[in-house]
Amino acid sequence: QHRCVCRDREGGALFDLPLPTGVCAMTVWDERVCALSADADSVTAFSAHTGEPLCCAPAGVYPRDLCVSRQGKFLAVAGGASGTVLLLDRDLRLLPPAGRRVRRMLPSARPAGLVRRGTGRY
């Protein structure tokens, strides 16, 4: 089983936690570590200080990648088989797409990854 070890600035271990099965991407978001599981079709946020799970949410069908917005206000998840990009708030609740700057994709496109441009757009 894979593990995540977070360290402080001096290199000391803060926590060591087992990862959910099928983790395909991870990112740090303020005081959280977010892990995306393609096997469980979910994203889980852990405390960066204790390693305790904070919240978990569905992330589409076979999600592929995740990225924090430049301003740190939301998490974008590439939904894989569903062909969507989901936007989640800090509590991993789904945000409405209205007013969000997410580039349109072709109807047949299946997002396999996310790239954050310097403008903060995806």
PDB file of N, CA and C in Angstrom:
ATOM      1  N   GLN A   1       0.839  -1.183   0.000  1.00  0.00           N
ATOM      2  CA  GLN A   1       0.000   0.000   0.000  1.00  0.00           C
ATOM      3  C   GLN A   1       0.881   1.242   0.000  1.00  0.00           C
ATOM      4  N   HIS A   2       0.467   2.245  -0.779  1.00  0.00           N
ATOM      5  CA  HIS A   2       1.200   3.495  -0.854  1.00  0.00           C
ATOM      6  C   HIS A   2       0.904   4.359   0.364  1.00  0.00           C
ATOM      7  N   ARG A   3       1.878   5.202   0.700  1.00  0.00           N
ATOM      8  CA  ARG A   3       1.736   6.059   1.868  1.00  0.00           C
ATOM      9  C   ARG A   3       2.110   7.481   1.476  1.00  0.00           C
ATOM     10  N   CYS A   4       1.608   8.441   2.237  1.00  0.00           N
ATOM     11  CA  CYS A   4       1.949   9.852   2.072  1.00  0.00           C
ATOM     12  C   CYS A   4       2.648  10.294   3.338  1.00  0.00           C
ATOM     13  N   VAL A   5       3.847  10.837   3.192  1.00  0.00           N
ATOM     14  CA  VAL A   5       4.595  11.351   4.335  1.00  0.00           C
ATOM     15  C   VAL A   5       4.756  12.851   4.132  1.00  0.00           C
ATOM     16  N   CYS A   6       4.241  13.638   5.058  1.00  0.00           N
ATOM     17  CA  CYS A   6       4.392  15.090   5.006  1.00  0.00           C
ATOM     18  C   CYS A   6       5.450  15.507   6.009  1.00  0.00           C
ATOM     19  N   ARG A   7       6.302  16.427   5.593  1.00  0.00           N
ATOM     20  CA  ARG A   7       7.409  16.869   6.439  1.00  0.00           C
ATOM     21  C   ARG A   7       7.331  18.381   6.667  1.00  0.00           C
ATOM     22  N   ASP A   8       7.889  18.823   7.797  1.00  0.00           N
ATOM     23  CA  ASP A   8       7.955  20.256   8.060  1.00  0.00           C
ATOM     24  C   ASP A   8       9.149  20.846   7.316  1.00  0.00           C
ATOM     25  N   ARG A   9       9.389  22.123   7.472  1.00  0.00           N
ATOM     26  CA  ARG A   9      10.448  22.804   6.712  1.00  0.00           C
ATOM     27  C   ARG A   9      11.845  22.311   7.063  1.00  0.00           C
ATOM     28  N   GLU A  10      11.990  21.763   8.250  1.00  0.00           N
ATOM     29  CA  GLU A  10      13.293  21.232   8.658  1.00  0.00           C
ATOM     30  C   GLU A  10      13.472  19.773   8.257  1.00  0.00           C
ATOM     31  N   GLY A  11      12.457  19.175   7.657  1.00  0.00           N
ATOM     32  CA  GLY A  11      12.555  17.785   7.209  1.00  0.00           C
ATOM     33  C   GLY A  11      11.987  16.770   8.170  1.00  0.00           C
ATOM     34  N   GLY A  12      11.494  17.229   9.321  1.00  0.00           N
ATOM     35  CA  GLY A  12      10.893  16.314  10.280  1.00  0.00           C
ATOM     36  C   GLY A  12       9.523  15.850   9.817  1.00  0.00           C
ATOM     37  N   ALA A  13       9.201  14.589  10.065  1.00  0.00           N
ATOM     38  CA  ALA A  13       7.912  14.043   9.636  1.00  0.00           C
ATOM     39  C   ALA A  13       6.781  14.621  10.470  1.00  0.00           C
ATOM     40  N   LEU A  14       5.764  15.167   9.796  1.00  0.00           N
ATOM     41  CA  LEU A  14       4.564  15.641  10.478  1.00  0.00           C
ATOM     42  C   LEU A  14       3.581  14.498  10.650  1.00  0.00           C
ATOM     43  N   PHE A  15       3.392  13.726   9.584  1.00  0.00           N
ATOM     44  CA  PHE A  15       2.523  12.559   9.642  1.00  0.00           C
ATOM     45  C   PHE A  15       2.837  11.614   8.500  1.00  0.00           C
ATOM     46  N   ASP A  16       2.383  10.407   8.657  1.00  0.00           N
ATOM     47  CA  ASP A  16       2.565   9.340   7.679  1.00  0.00           C
ATOM     48  C   ASP A  16       1.230   8.623   7.594  1.00  0.00           C
ATOM     49  N   LEU A  17       0.574   8.687   6.439  1.00  0.00           N
ATOM     50  CA  LEU A  17      -0.748   8.072   6.347  1.00  0.00           C
ATOM     51  C   LEU A  17      -0.862   7.162   5.142  1.00  0.00           C
ATOM     52  N   PRO A  18      -1.655   6.093   5.281  1.00  0.00           N
ATOM     53  CA  PRO A  18      -1.914   5.233   4.130  1.00  0.00           C
ATOM     54  C   PRO A  18      -2.837   5.955   3.162  1.00  0.00           C
ATOM     55  N   LEU A  19      -2.594   5.772   1.886  1.00  0.00           N
ATOM     56  CA  LEU A  19      -3.422   6.416   0.866  1.00  0.00           C
ATOM     57  C   LEU A  19      -4.569   5.505   0.456  1.00  0.00           C
ATOM     58  N   PRO A  20      -5.702   6.117   0.057  1.00  0.00           N
ATOM     59  CA  PRO A  20      -6.798   5.300  -0.473  1.00  0.00           C
ATOM     60  C   PRO A  20      -6.320   4.540  -1.712  1.00  0.00           C
ATOM     61  N   THR A  21      -6.975   3.452  -2.046  1.00  0.00           N
ATOM     62  CA  THR A  21      -6.570   2.673  -3.216  1.00  0.00           C
ATOM     63  C   THR A  21      -6.756   3.483  -4.486  1.00  0.00           C
ATOM     64  N   GLY A  22      -5.897   3.245  -5.444  1.00  0.00           N
ATOM     65  CA  GLY A  22      -6.020   3.864  -6.756  1.00  0.00           C
ATOM     66  C   GLY A  22      -5.702   5.337  -6.815  1.00  0.00           C
ATOM     67  N   VAL A  23      -4.923   5.872  -5.856  1.00  0.00           N
ATOM     68  CA  VAL A  23      -4.595   7.293  -5.897  1.00  0.00           C
ATOM     69  C   VAL A  23      -3.808   7.584  -7.173  1.00  0.00           C
ATOM     70  N   CYS A  24      -4.337   8.529  -7.961  1.00  0.00           N
ATOM     71  CA  CYS A  24      -3.701   8.859  -9.227  1.00  0.00           C
ATOM     72  C   CYS A  24      -3.155  10.282  -9.242  1.00  0.00           C
ATOM     73  N   ALA A  25      -3.524  11.103  -8.250  1.00  0.00           N
ATOM     74  CA  ALA A  25      -3.030  12.474  -8.188  1.00  0.00           C
ATOM     75  C   ALA A  25      -3.182  12.995  -6.760  1.00  0.00           C
ATOM     76  N   MET A  26      -2.283  13.908  -6.398  1.00  0.00           N
ATOM     77  CA  MET A  26      -2.341  14.548  -5.085  1.00  0.00           C
ATOM     78  C   MET A  26      -1.923  16.000  -5.242  1.00  0.00           C
ATOM     79  N   THR A  27      -2.419  16.848  -4.332  1.00  0.00           N
ATOM     80  CA  THR A  27      -1.997  18.236  -4.304  1.00  0.00           C
ATOM     81  C   THR A  27      -2.127  18.760  -2.880  1.00  0.00           C
ATOM     82  N   VAL A  28      -1.381  19.807  -2.578  1.00  0.00           N
ATOM     83  CA  VAL A  28      -1.480  20.475  -1.282  1.00  0.00           C
ATOM     84  C   VAL A  28      -2.332  21.715  -1.482  1.00  0.00           C
ATOM     85  N   TRP A  29      -3.293  21.914  -0.590  1.00  0.00           N
ATOM     86  CA  TRP A  29      -4.205  23.061  -0.674  1.00  0.00           C
ATOM     87  C   TRP A  29      -4.278  23.683   0.708  1.00  0.00           C
ATOM     88  N   ASP A  30      -3.546  24.750   0.912  1.00  0.00           N
ATOM     89  CA  ASP A  30      -3.430  25.411   2.204  1.00  0.00           C
ATOM     90  C   ASP A  30      -3.009  24.401   3.268  1.00  0.00           C
ATOM     91  N   GLU A  31      -3.859  24.114   4.211  1.00  0.00           N
ATOM     92  CA  GLU A  31      -3.548  23.211   5.309  1.00  0.00           C
ATOM     93  C   GLU A  31      -4.044  21.788   5.038  1.00  0.00           C
ATOM     94  N   ARG A  32      -4.261  21.473   3.756  1.00  0.00           N
ATOM     95  CA  ARG A  32      -4.815  20.167   3.387  1.00  0.00           C
ATOM     96  C   ARG A  32      -3.965  19.471   2.348  1.00  0.00           C
ATOM     97  N   VAL A  33      -4.034  18.154   2.360  1.00  0.00           N
ATOM     98  CA  VAL A  33      -3.486  17.337   1.292  1.00  0.00           C
ATOM     99  C   VAL A  33      -4.681  16.649   0.645  1.00  0.00           C
ATOM    100  N   CYS A  34      -4.876  16.855  -0.648  1.00  0.00           N
ATOM    101  CA  CYS A  34      -6.007  16.256  -1.360  1.00  0.00           C
ATOM    102  C   CYS A  34      -5.504  15.105  -2.220  1.00  0.00           C
ATOM    103  N   ALA A  35      -6.146  13.953  -2.073  1.00  0.00           N
ATOM    104  CA  ALA A  35      -5.772  12.755  -2.828  1.00  0.00           C
ATOM    105  C   ALA A  35      -6.957  12.332  -3.695  1.00  0.00           C
ATOM    106  N   LEU A  36      -6.687  12.114  -4.980  1.00  0.00           N
ATOM    107  CA  LEU A  36      -7.711  11.706  -5.929  1.00  0.00           C
ATOM    108  C   LEU A  36      -7.569  10.216  -6.195  1.00  0.00           C
ATOM    109  N   SER A  37      -8.642   9.469  -5.994  1.00  0.00           N
ATOM    110  CA  SER A  37      -8.630   8.024  -6.212  1.00  0.00           C
ATOM    111  C   SER A  37      -9.477   7.665  -7.432  1.00  0.00           C
ATOM    112  N   ALA A  38      -8.821   7.133  -8.455  1.00  0.00           N
ATOM    113  CA  ALA A  38      -9.542   6.697  -9.654  1.00  0.00           C
ATOM    114  C   ALA A  38     -10.326   5.423  -9.367  1.00  0.00           C
ATOM    115  N   ASP A  39      -9.834   4.581  -8.465  1.00  0.00           N
ATOM    116  CA  ASP A  39     -10.546   3.338  -8.127  1.00  0.00           C
ATOM    117  C   ASP A  39     -11.827   3.626  -7.353  1.00  0.00           C
ATOM    118  N   ALA A  40     -11.784   4.578  -6.437  1.00  0.00           N
ATOM    119  CA  ALA A  40     -12.946   4.886  -5.600  1.00  0.00           C
ATOM    120  C   ALA A  40     -13.782   6.033  -6.171  1.00  0.00           C
ATOM    121  N   ASP A  41     -13.339   6.616  -7.308  1.00  0.00           N
ATOM    122  CA  ASP A  41     -14.053   7.746  -7.920  1.00  0.00           C
ATOM    123  C   ASP A  41     -14.311   8.843  -6.899  1.00  0.00           C
ATOM    124  N   SER A  42     -13.280   9.195  -6.124  1.00  0.00           N
ATOM    125  CA  SER A  42     -13.471  10.181  -5.060  1.00  0.00           C
ATOM    126  C   SER A  42     -12.198  10.990  -4.826  1.00  0.00           C
ATOM    127  N   VAL A  43     -12.392  12.118  -4.145  1.00  0.00           N
ATOM    128  CA  VAL A  43     -11.278  12.932  -3.679  1.00  0.00           C
ATOM    129  C   VAL A  43     -11.417  13.047  -2.161  1.00  0.00           C
ATOM    130  N   THR A  44     -10.300  12.882  -1.455  1.00  0.00           N
ATOM    131  CA  THR A  44     -10.287  12.956   0.003  1.00  0.00           C
ATOM    132  C   THR A  44      -9.318  14.043   0.430  1.00  0.00           C
ATOM    133  N   ALA A  45      -9.730  14.884   1.370  1.00  0.00           N
ATOM    134  CA  ALA A  45      -8.864  15.922   1.933  1.00  0.00           C
ATOM    135  C   ALA A  45      -8.413  15.476   3.321  1.00  0.00           C
ATOM    136  N   PHE A  46      -7.109  15.558   3.557  1.00  0.00           N
ATOM    137  CA  PHE A  46      -6.504  15.203   4.835  1.00  0.00           C
ATOM    138  C   PHE A  46      -5.898  16.454   5.452  1.00  0.00           C
ATOM    139  N   SER A  47      -5.853  16.528   6.763  1.00  0.00           N
ATOM    140  CA  SER A  47      -5.165  17.613   7.450  1.00  0.00           C
ATOM    141  C   SER A  47      -3.668  17.481   7.181  1.00  0.00           C
ATOM    142  N   ALA A  48      -3.040  18.587   6.771  1.00  0.00           N
ATOM    143  CA  ALA A  48      -1.601  18.569   6.523  1.00  0.00           C
ATOM    144  C   ALA A  48      -0.801  18.518   7.820  1.00  0.00           C
ATOM    145  N   HIS A  49      -1.467  18.700   8.955  1.00  0.00           N
ATOM    146  CA  HIS A  49      -0.780  18.677  10.246  1.00  0.00           C
ATOM    147  C   HIS A  49      -0.891  17.335  10.947  1.00  0.00           C
ATOM    148  N   THR A  50      -2.058  16.708  10.836  1.00  0.00           N
ATOM    149  CA  THR A  50      -2.283  15.469  11.575  1.00  0.00           C
ATOM    150  C   THR A  50      -2.457  14.243  10.683  1.00  0.00           C
ATOM    151  N   GLY A  51      -2.790  14.467   9.409  1.00  0.00           N
ATOM    152  CA  GLY A  51      -3.042  13.349   8.514  1.00  0.00           C
ATOM    153  C   GLY A  51      -4.448  12.794   8.619  1.00  0.00           C
ATOM    154  N   GLU A  52      -5.268  13.375   9.493  1.00  0.00           N
ATOM    155  CA  GLU A  52      -6.636  12.887   9.654  1.00  0.00           C
ATOM    156  C   GLU A  52      -7.485  13.280   8.453  1.00  0.00           C
ATOM    157  N   PRO A  53      -8.371  12.363   7.999  1.00  0.00           N
ATOM    158  CA  PRO A  53      -9.282  12.717   6.904  1.00  0.00           C
ATOM    159  C   PRO A  53     -10.243  13.809   7.362  1.00  0.00           C
ATOM    160  N   LEU A  54     -10.421  14.842   6.527  1.00  0.00           N
ATOM    161  CA  LEU A  54     -11.322  15.947   6.837  1.00  0.00           C
ATOM    162  C   LEU A  54     -12.652  15.806   6.114  1.00  0.00           C
ATOM    163  N   CYS A  55     -12.606  15.429   4.861  1.00  0.00           N
ATOM    164  CA  CYS A  55     -13.827  15.238   4.077  1.00  0.00           C
ATOM    165  C   CYS A  55     -13.499  14.423   2.833  1.00  0.00           C
ATOM    166  N   CYS A  56     -14.542  13.853   2.267  1.00  0.00           N
ATOM    167  CA  CYS A  56     -14.408  13.022   1.070  1.00  0.00           C
ATOM    168  C   CYS A  56     -15.622  13.294   0.195  1.00  0.00           C
ATOM    169  N   ALA A  57     -15.422  13.285  -1.127  1.00  0.00           N
ATOM    170  CA  ALA A  57     -16.531  13.576  -2.034  1.00  0.00           C
ATOM    171  C   ALA A  57     -16.383  12.789  -3.329  1.00  0.00           C
ATOM    172  N   PRO A  58     -17.504  12.498  -3.999  1.00  0.00           N
ATOM    173  CA  PRO A  58     -17.452  11.871  -5.318  1.00  0.00           C
ATOM    174  C   PRO A  58     -16.708  12.779  -6.289  1.00  0.00           C
ATOM    175  N   ALA A  59     -16.006  12.193  -7.237  1.00  0.00           N
ATOM    176  CA  ALA A  59     -15.203  12.981  -8.174  1.00  0.00           C
ATOM    177  C   ALA A  59     -15.424  12.551  -9.619  1.00  0.00           C
ATOM    178  N   GLY A  60     -16.638  12.172  -9.957  1.00  0.00           N
ATOM    179  CA  GLY A  60     -16.898  11.751 -11.326  1.00  0.00           C
ATOM    180  C   GLY A  60     -16.542  10.293 -11.527  1.00  0.00           C
ATOM    181  N   VAL A  61     -16.634   9.860 -12.772  1.00  0.00           N
ATOM    182  CA  VAL A  61     -16.343   8.473 -13.119  1.00  0.00           C
ATOM    183  C   VAL A  61     -14.908   8.381 -13.622  1.00  0.00           C
ATOM    184  N   TYR A  62     -14.098   7.588 -12.933  1.00  0.00           N
ATOM    185  CA  TYR A  62     -12.685   7.410 -13.244  1.00  0.00           C
ATOM    186  C   TYR A  62     -11.969   8.758 -13.379  1.00  0.00           C
ATOM    187  N   PRO A  63     -11.926   9.549 -12.299  1.00  0.00           N
ATOM    188  CA  PRO A  63     -11.251  10.852 -12.353  1.00  0.00           C
ATOM    189  C   PRO A  63      -9.766  10.686 -12.652  1.00  0.00           C
ATOM    190  N   ARG A  64      -9.182  11.694 -13.301  1.00  0.00           N
ATOM    191  CA  ARG A  64      -7.813  11.577 -13.784  1.00  0.00           C
ATOM    192  C   ARG A  64      -6.801  12.520 -13.133  1.00  0.00           C
ATOM    193  N   ASP A  65      -7.233  13.733 -12.768  1.00  0.00           N
ATOM    194  CA  ASP A  65      -6.266  14.707 -12.269  1.00  0.00           C
ATOM    195  C   ASP A  65      -6.993  15.766 -11.440  1.00  0.00           C
ATOM    196  N   LEU A  66      -6.239  16.501 -10.629  1.00  0.00           N
ATOM    197  CA  LEU A  66      -6.808  17.596  -9.864  1.00  0.00           C
ATOM    198  C   LEU A  66      -5.808  18.734  -9.781  1.00  0.00           C
ATOM    199  N   CYS A  67      -6.326  19.940  -9.557  1.00  0.00           N
ATOM    200  CA  CYS A  67      -5.493  21.133  -9.522  1.00  0.00           C
ATOM    201  C   CYS A  67      -6.213  22.196  -8.715  1.00  0.00           C
ATOM    202  N   VAL A  68      -5.479  22.930  -7.887  1.00  0.00           N
ATOM    203  CA  VAL A  68      -6.053  24.025  -7.105  1.00  0.00           C
ATOM    204  C   VAL A  68      -6.007  25.292  -7.960  1.00  0.00           C
ATOM    205  N   SER A  69      -7.077  26.092  -7.910  1.00  0.00           N
ATOM    206  CA  SER A  69      -7.099  27.344  -8.665  1.00  0.00           C
ATOM    207  C   SER A  69      -5.983  28.262  -8.183  1.00  0.00           C
ATOM    208  N   ARG A  70      -5.567  29.154  -9.046  1.00  0.00           N
ATOM    209  CA  ARG A  70      -4.455  30.052  -8.717  1.00  0.00           C
ATOM    210  C   ARG A  70      -4.729  30.858  -7.455  1.00  0.00           C
ATOM    211  N   GLN A  71      -5.980  31.269  -7.265  1.00  0.00           N
ATOM    212  CA  GLN A  71      -6.344  32.043  -6.088  1.00  0.00           C
ATOM    213  C   GLN A  71      -6.578  31.148  -4.873  1.00  0.00           C
ATOM    214  N   GLY A  72      -6.564  29.833  -5.061  1.00  0.00           N
ATOM    215  CA  GLY A  72      -6.757  28.897  -3.959  1.00  0.00           C
ATOM    216  C   GLY A  72      -8.191  28.796  -3.485  1.00  0.00           C
ATOM    217  N   LYS A  73      -9.140  29.208  -4.322  1.00  0.00           N
ATOM    218  CA  LYS A  73     -10.545  29.214  -3.904  1.00  0.00           C
ATOM    219  C   LYS A  73     -11.280  27.919  -4.201  1.00  0.00           C
ATOM    220  N   PHE A  74     -10.831  27.167  -5.202  1.00  0.00           N
ATOM    221  CA  PHE A  74     -11.502  25.913  -5.519  1.00  0.00           C
ATOM    222  C   PHE A  74     -10.532  24.894  -6.088  1.00  0.00           C
ATOM    223  N   LEU A  75     -10.999  23.662  -6.100  1.00  0.00           N
ATOM    224  CA  LEU A  75     -10.250  22.527  -6.616  1.00  0.00           C
ATOM    225  C   LEU A  75     -10.947  22.057  -7.883  1.00  0.00           C
ATOM    226  N   ALA A  76     -10.198  21.899  -8.962  1.00  0.00           N
ATOM    227  CA  ALA A  76     -10.748  21.386 -10.214  1.00  0.00           C
ATOM    228  C   ALA A  76     -10.347  19.918 -10.341  1.00  0.00           C
ATOM    229  N   VAL A  77     -11.298  19.075 -10.744  1.00  0.00           N
ATOM    230  CA  VAL A  77     -11.058  17.642 -10.919  1.00  0.00           C
ATOM    231  C   VAL A  77     -11.455  17.260 -12.334  1.00  0.00           C
ATOM    232  N   ALA A  78     -10.526  16.674 -13.087  1.00  0.00           N
ATOM    233  CA  ALA A  78     -10.830  16.177 -14.435  1.00  0.00           C
ATOM    234  C   ALA A  78     -11.566  14.861 -14.280  1.00  0.00           C
ATOM    235  N   GLY A  79     -12.801  14.829 -14.769  1.00  0.00           N
ATOM    236  CA  GLY A  79     -13.707  13.713 -14.525  1.00  0.00           C
ATOM    237  C   GLY A  79     -13.534  12.485 -15.372  1.00  0.00           C
ATOM    238  N   GLY A  80     -12.517  12.393 -16.216  1.00  0.00           N
ATOM    239  CA  GLY A  80     -12.244  11.173 -16.962  1.00  0.00           C
ATOM    240  C   GLY A  80     -13.370  10.735 -17.875  1.00  0.00           C
ATOM    241  N   ALA A  81     -13.980   9.595 -17.580  1.00  0.00           N
ATOM    242  CA  ALA A  81     -14.983   8.984 -18.454  1.00  0.00           C
ATOM    243  C   ALA A  81     -16.206   9.853 -18.664  1.00  0.00           C
ATOM    244  N   SER A  82     -16.529  10.711 -17.697  1.00  0.00           N
ATOM    245  CA  SER A  82     -17.714  11.566 -17.837  1.00  0.00           C
ATOM    246  C   SER A  82     -17.453  12.754 -18.749  1.00  0.00           C
ATOM    247  N   GLY A  83     -16.172  13.049 -19.045  1.00  0.00           N
ATOM    248  CA  GLY A  83     -15.845  14.159 -19.920  1.00  0.00           C
ATOM    249  C   GLY A  83     -16.092  15.514 -19.299  1.00  0.00           C
ATOM    250  N   THR A  84     -16.071  15.622 -17.978  1.00  0.00           N
ATOM    251  CA  THR A  84     -16.348  16.884 -17.303  1.00  0.00           C
ATOM    252  C   THR A  84     -15.179  17.323 -16.434  1.00  0.00           C
ATOM    253  N   VAL A  85     -15.200  18.586 -16.066  1.00  0.00           N
ATOM    254  CA  VAL A  85     -14.287  19.117 -15.062  1.00  0.00           C
ATOM    255  C   VAL A  85     -15.164  19.602 -13.913  1.00  0.00           C
ATOM    256  N   LEU A  86     -14.983  19.004 -12.749  1.00  0.00           N
ATOM    257  CA  LEU A  86     -15.763  19.376 -11.574  1.00  0.00           C
ATOM    258  C   LEU A  86     -15.026  20.446 -10.781  1.00  0.00           C
ATOM    259  N   LEU A  87     -15.763  21.388 -10.219  1.00  0.00           N
ATOM    260  CA  LEU A  87     -15.183  22.421  -9.362  1.00  0.00           C
ATOM    261  C   LEU A  87     -15.721  22.212  -7.955  1.00  0.00           C
ATOM    262  N   LEU A  88     -14.812  22.081  -6.977  1.00  0.00           N
ATOM    263  CA  LEU A  88     -15.180  21.794  -5.594  1.00  0.00           C
ATOM    264  C   LEU A  88     -14.677  22.898  -4.679  1.00  0.00           C
ATOM    265  N   ASP A  89     -15.472  23.230  -3.636  1.00  0.00           N
ATOM    266  CA  ASP A  89     -15.034  24.219  -2.653  1.00  0.00           C
ATOM    267  C   ASP A  89     -14.149  23.549  -1.599  1.00  0.00           C
ATOM    268  N   ARG A  90     -13.767  24.292  -0.568  1.00  0.00           N
ATOM    269  CA  ARG A  90     -12.848  23.768   0.460  1.00  0.00           C
ATOM    270  C   ARG A  90     -13.398  22.584   1.242  1.00  0.00           C
ATOM    271  N   ASP A  91     -14.728  22.475   1.299  1.00  0.00           N
ATOM    272  CA  ASP A  91     -15.348  21.324   1.958  1.00  0.00           C
ATOM    273  C   ASP A  91     -15.688  20.226   0.962  1.00  0.00           C
ATOM    274  N   LEU A  92     -15.130  20.331  -0.246  1.00  0.00           N
ATOM    275  CA  LEU A  92     -15.315  19.382  -1.346  1.00  0.00           C
ATOM    276  C   LEU A  92     -16.777  19.282  -1.789  1.00  0.00           C
ATOM    277  N   ARG A  93     -17.488  20.410  -1.678  1.00  0.00           N
ATOM    278  CA  ARG A  93     -18.854  20.480  -2.214  1.00  0.00           C
ATOM    279  C   ARG A  93     -18.780  20.973  -3.642  1.00  0.00           C
ATOM    280  N   LEU A  94     -19.644  20.408  -4.495  1.00  0.00           N
ATOM    281  CA  LEU A  94     -19.678  20.767  -5.902  1.00  0.00           C
ATOM    282  C   LEU A  94     -20.134  22.210  -6.073  1.00  0.00           C
ATOM    283  N   LEU A  95     -19.381  22.985  -6.867  1.00  0.00           N
ATOM    284  CA  LEU A  95     -19.744  24.369  -7.153  1.00  0.00           C
ATOM    285  C   LEU A  95     -20.518  24.435  -8.461  1.00  0.00           C
ATOM    286  N   PRO A  96     -21.464  25.372  -8.575  1.00  0.00           N
ATOM    287  CA  PRO A  96     -22.169  25.537  -9.847  1.00  0.00           C
ATOM    288  C   PRO A  96     -21.205  26.073 -10.900  1.00  0.00           C
ATOM    289  N   PRO A  97     -21.346  25.655 -12.146  1.00  0.00           N
ATOM    290  CA  PRO A  97     -20.413  26.073 -13.188  1.00  0.00           C
ATOM    291  C   PRO A  97     -20.569  27.530 -13.612  1.00  0.00           C
ATOM    292  N   ALA A  98     -21.708  28.163 -13.322  1.00  0.00           N
ATOM    293  CA  ALA A  98     -21.954  29.526 -13.780  1.00  0.00           C
ATOM    294  C   ALA A  98     -20.882  30.482 -13.260  1.00  0.00           C
ATOM    295  N   GLY A  99     -20.300  31.244 -14.164  1.00  0.00           N
ATOM    296  CA  GLY A  99     -19.321  32.251 -13.790  1.00  0.00           C
ATOM    297  C   GLY A  99     -17.917  31.730 -13.574  1.00  0.00           C
ATOM    298  N   ARG A 100     -17.697  30.449 -13.715  1.00  0.00           N
ATOM    299  CA  ARG A 100     -16.366  29.880 -13.529  1.00  0.00           C
ATOM    300  C   ARG A 100     -15.617  29.903 -14.852  1.00  0.00           C
ATOM    301  N   ARG A 101     -14.318  30.110 -14.793  1.00  0.00           N
ATOM    302  CA  ARG A 101     -13.514  30.188 -16.005  1.00  0.00           C
ATOM    303  C   ARG A 101     -12.907  28.835 -16.334  1.00  0.00           C
ATOM    304  N   VAL A 102     -13.687  27.987 -16.911  1.00  0.00           N
ATOM    305  CA  VAL A 102     -13.201  26.677 -17.347  1.00  0.00           C
ATOM    306  C   VAL A 102     -13.367  26.634 -18.853  1.00  0.00           C
ATOM    307  N   ARG A 103     -12.308  26.357 -19.558  1.00  0.00           N
ATOM    308  CA  ARG A 103     -12.362  26.307 -21.022  1.00  0.00           C
ATOM    309  C   ARG A 103     -13.309  25.218 -21.488  1.00  0.00           C
ATOM    310  N   ARG A 104     -14.022  25.503 -22.554  1.00  0.00           N
ATOM    311  CA  ARG A 104     -14.916  24.497 -23.124  1.00  0.00           C
ATOM    312  C   ARG A 104     -14.098  23.403 -23.793  1.00  0.00           C
ATOM    313  N   MET A 105     -14.653  22.220 -23.797  1.00  0.00           N
ATOM    314  CA  MET A 105     -14.011  21.087 -24.454  1.00  0.00           C
ATOM    315  C   MET A 105     -14.934  20.562 -25.529  1.00  0.00           C
ATOM    316  N   LEU A 106     -14.369  19.870 -26.479  1.00  0.00           N
ATOM    317  CA  LEU A 106     -15.192  19.223 -27.493  1.00  0.00           C
ATOM    318  C   LEU A 106     -16.061  18.167 -26.828  1.00  0.00           C
ATOM    319  N   PRO A 107     -17.283  17.947 -27.321  1.00  0.00           N
ATOM    320  CA  PRO A 107     -18.168  16.959 -26.691  1.00  0.00           C
ATOM    321  C   PRO A 107     -17.549  15.568 -26.569  1.00  0.00           C
ATOM    322  N   SER A 108     -16.658  15.214 -27.493  1.00  0.00           N
ATOM    323  CA  SER A 108     -16.056  13.879 -27.449  1.00  0.00           C
ATOM    324  C   SER A 108     -14.790  13.830 -26.594  1.00  0.00           C
ATOM    325  N   ALA A 109     -14.355  14.975 -26.070  1.00  0.00           N
ATOM    326  CA  ALA A 109     -13.112  15.029 -25.293  1.00  0.00           C
ATOM    327  C   ALA A 109     -13.278  14.342 -23.943  1.00  0.00           C
ATOM    328  N   ARG A 110     -12.232  13.673 -23.491  1.00  0.00           N
ATOM    329  CA  ARG A 110     -12.184  13.054 -22.176  1.00  0.00           C
ATOM    330  C   ARG A 110     -10.960  13.627 -21.464  1.00  0.00           C
ATOM    331  N   PRO A 111     -11.162  14.565 -20.526  1.00  0.00           N
ATOM    332  CA  PRO A 111     -10.003  15.204 -19.903  1.00  0.00           C
ATOM    333  C   PRO A 111      -9.140  14.197 -19.160  1.00  0.00           C
ATOM    334  N   ALA A 112      -7.843  14.238 -19.453  1.00  0.00           N
ATOM    335  CA  ALA A 112      -6.904  13.333 -18.796  1.00  0.00           C
ATOM    336  C   ALA A 112      -5.991  14.092 -17.852  1.00  0.00           C
ATOM    337  N   GLY A 113      -6.078  15.411 -17.854  1.00  0.00           N
ATOM    338  CA  GLY A 113      -5.225  16.198 -16.983  1.00  0.00           C
ATOM    339  C   GLY A 113      -5.664  17.641 -16.973  1.00  0.00           C
ATOM    340  N   LEU A 114      -5.115  18.408 -16.062  1.00  0.00           N
ATOM    341  CA  LEU A 114      -5.433  19.831 -15.943  1.00  0.00           C
ATOM    342  C   LEU A 114      -4.145  20.618 -15.947  1.00  0.00           C
ATOM    343  N   VAL A 115      -4.191  21.802 -16.556  1.00  0.00           N
ATOM    344  CA  VAL A 115      -3.048  22.701 -16.561  1.00  0.00           C
ATOM    345  C   VAL A 115      -3.550  24.055 -16.097  1.00  0.00           C
ATOM    346  N   ARG A 116      -2.891  24.603 -15.115  1.00  0.00           N
ATOM    347  CA  ARG A 116      -3.250  25.932 -14.628  1.00  0.00           C
ATOM    348  C   ARG A 116      -2.380  26.936 -15.343  1.00  0.00           C
ATOM    349  N   ARG A 117      -3.014  27.831 -16.093  1.00  0.00           N
ATOM    350  CA  ARG A 117      -2.278  28.880 -16.791  1.00  0.00           C
ATOM    351  C   ARG A 117      -2.001  30.020 -15.836  1.00  0.00           C
ATOM    352  N   GLY A 118      -1.093  30.904 -16.207  1.00  0.00           N
ATOM    353  CA  GLY A 118      -0.746  32.045 -15.376  1.00  0.00           C
ATOM    354  C   GLY A 118      -1.912  32.971 -15.088  1.00  0.00           C
ATOM    355  N   THR A 119      -2.955  32.911 -15.912  1.00  0.00           N
ATOM    356  CA  THR A 119      -4.116  33.772 -15.711  1.00  0.00           C
ATOM    357  C   THR A 119      -5.057  33.201 -14.665  1.00  0.00           C
ATOM    358  N   GLY A 120      -4.820  31.974 -14.217  1.00  0.00           N
ATOM    359  CA  GLY A 120      -5.725  31.335 -13.264  1.00  0.00           C
ATOM    360  C   GLY A 120      -6.839  30.564 -13.941  1.00  0.00           C
ATOM    361  N   ARG A 121      -6.841  30.582 -15.271  1.00  0.00           N
ATOM    362  CA  ARG A 121      -7.863  29.832 -16.008  1.00  0.00           C
ATOM    363  C   ARG A 121      -7.376  28.419 -16.267  1.00  0.00           C
ATOM    364  N   TYR A 122      -8.334  27.495 -16.461  1.00  0.00           N
ATOM    365  CA  TYR A 122      -7.973  26.111 -16.759  1.00  0.00           C
ATOM    366  C   TYR A 122      -8.188  25.838 -18.212  1.00  0.00           C
TER     367      TYR A 122
END
